[in-house]
Amino acid sequence: MAWTSTQLSDLKDAYAQGILSVTIAGKTLTYTSGADMMKRIKEIEADLGLTTAQKAKRVTYSSFKRS
């Protein structure tokens, strides 16, 4: 299914209200949990090219003690 930004917005609105069922394009989608719904939102954002997620940079420091 090709998603639109309006459908993504509707899904985000439902998520923000804690609603797990949403009707999009005449079909009712029911998610099992908020986490499941958020996963779908992130997938749709990626499909629409809306994600700006970057891997976090990891910084490590070495240390030593003098005896």
Protein backbone atom coordinates (compact mmCIF):
# COMPACT_ATOMS: atom_id res chain seq x y z
CA MET A 1 0.00 0.00 0.00
CA ALA A 2 1.32 3.43 -0.90
CA TRP A 3 0.92 5.72 2.08
CA THR A 4 0.27 9.47 2.01
CA SER A 5 1.37 12.11 4.47
CA THR A 6 -2.30 12.65 5.39
CA GLN A 7 -2.69 8.98 6.30
CA LEU A 8 0.52 9.16 8.33
CA SER A 9 -0.83 12.19 10.15
CA ASP A 10 -4.10 10.37 10.92
CA LEU A 11 -2.14 7.43 12.31
CA LYS A 12 0.01 9.72 14.47
CA ASP A 13 -3.10 11.48 15.78
CA ALA A 14 -4.62 8.15 16.80
CA TYR A 15 -1.37 7.12 18.48
CA ALA A 16 -1.21 10.40 20.41
CA GLN A 17 -4.73 9.80 21.71
CA GLY A 18 -4.00 6.20 22.69
CA ILE A 19 -6.39 4.82 20.06
CA LEU A 20 -5.23 1.53 18.56
CA SER A 21 -7.82 1.36 15.75
CA VAL A 22 -7.87 3.77 12.85
CA THR A 23 -9.78 3.83 9.56
CA ILE A 24 -7.68 4.75 6.55
CA ALA A 25 -8.92 4.61 2.95
CA GLY A 26 -12.08 2.80 4.07
CA LYS A 27 -10.20 0.05 5.91
CA THR A 28 -10.03 -0.24 9.67
CA LEU A 29 -6.61 -1.13 11.03
CA THR A 30 -6.29 -2.34 14.60
CA TYR A 31 -2.88 -2.56 16.21
CA THR A 32 -2.11 -4.87 19.10
CA SER A 33 -0.16 -2.26 21.05
CA GLY A 34 1.16 1.27 20.95
CA ALA A 35 4.60 -0.13 20.22
CA ASP A 36 3.23 -1.99 17.20
CA MET A 37 1.59 1.20 15.95
CA MET A 38 4.77 3.22 16.47
CA LYS A 39 6.74 0.63 14.51
CA ARG A 40 4.32 1.07 11.60
CA ILE A 41 4.56 4.87 11.85
CA LYS A 42 8.34 4.68 11.59
CA GLU A 43 8.08 2.32 8.59
CA ILE A 44 5.71 4.71 6.83
CA GLU A 45 7.98 7.68 7.58
CA ALA A 46 10.87 5.77 6.04
CA ASP A 47 8.78 4.90 2.97
CA LEU A 48 7.86 8.56 2.55
CA GLY A 49 11.47 9.63 3.06
CA LEU A 50 10.64 11.61 6.19
CA THR A 51 13.11 10.02 8.58
CA THR A 52 16.22 11.84 9.60
CA ALA A 53 17.32 9.10 11.94
CA GLN A 54 21.05 8.79 12.18
CA LYS A 55 23.07 6.36 14.16
CA ALA A 56 24.24 7.83 17.41
CA LYS A 57 27.93 8.47 17.56
CA ARG A 58 29.70 6.41 20.16
CA VAL A 59 32.43 8.07 22.13
CA THR A 60 34.66 6.12 24.45
CA TYR A 61 37.37 7.35 26.75
CA SER A 62 40.24 5.37 28.06
CA SER A 63 41.47 5.81 31.56
CA PHE A 64 44.32 4.59 33.68
CA LYS A 65 45.48 4.78 37.28
CA ARG A 66 48.94 5.22 38.57
CA SER A 67 49.85 2.84 41.33
